[in-house]
Amino acid sequence: MGEMYASKFVSQWGAFDETGAWWAELQHFQPAQLALGLRRVRQQVQDAARANDEAWPPTPIAFAAMCQPKSEDLGLPSEAEAWREVTANAHQPGRHRWSHEAVRMAGQAVGWWDLTHGGGESRTDRMERRFRKEYAALVNRVMEGEQLQARTLIGHDSQLNRAERAERASREAAQQRAEAAGMPQRMNSEQGMRCLRAALGGR
């Protein structure tokens, strides 16, 4: 910061964070997130110089916000784009080619059945807020270097006998049919009753 803003930063905050304000805001961030914030600050300084304007250093809180990764920084869809993709394909999630595994996982966390059986504007808003929260958490995991992968069953067919292989194939087929139908992997009692009523034609 001192290199980019020179005396404007040092005069306000000191050379070594004497008040501890920066440490208080940034102590929980990973190095990759701090590097992201510095790249954004440097870009702001460059943009100001090109516009023949003056750049001022951010406050600790403002810089902490700049350290938060956005999906676009990692080549992922924006939250709005991801939400549109989920709502457009929640009825057949197993057949859609997802732009990124994080989008599918966030949609699955909200629940495919709920996404395809809305219940008014307020409920949709709540689902979107939950989706954005789940998606942001997954983006942070990607930012930390985690490779998101779809959940697979443990074990190899060679370790199973014929009956076990048949049972496993039956479970996987049922799971795929449920996902293709937009049903969540786990349902609470209320969701189960809604699925049952829908299957019985609303009776």
Foldseek 3Di string as FASTA:
>chain_A
DCVLQPPLVCVVQNPPNVVCQLCVLPVPDDPLLLVQLVVVLVVVSVVCVVVVHDDHDDGSVVSSVSSQDALVVVVHDGLVVLVVVLLVCLQALLPDDDPAVLSVVLSLVLFSVPSVVDDDDVRVVVSSVSSSVSSSVVSVVVSVPDRDDDDDDDDDPVVDDPVVVVVVVVVVVVVNVCSRRNGHPDDDPVSVVVVVCVVVVND
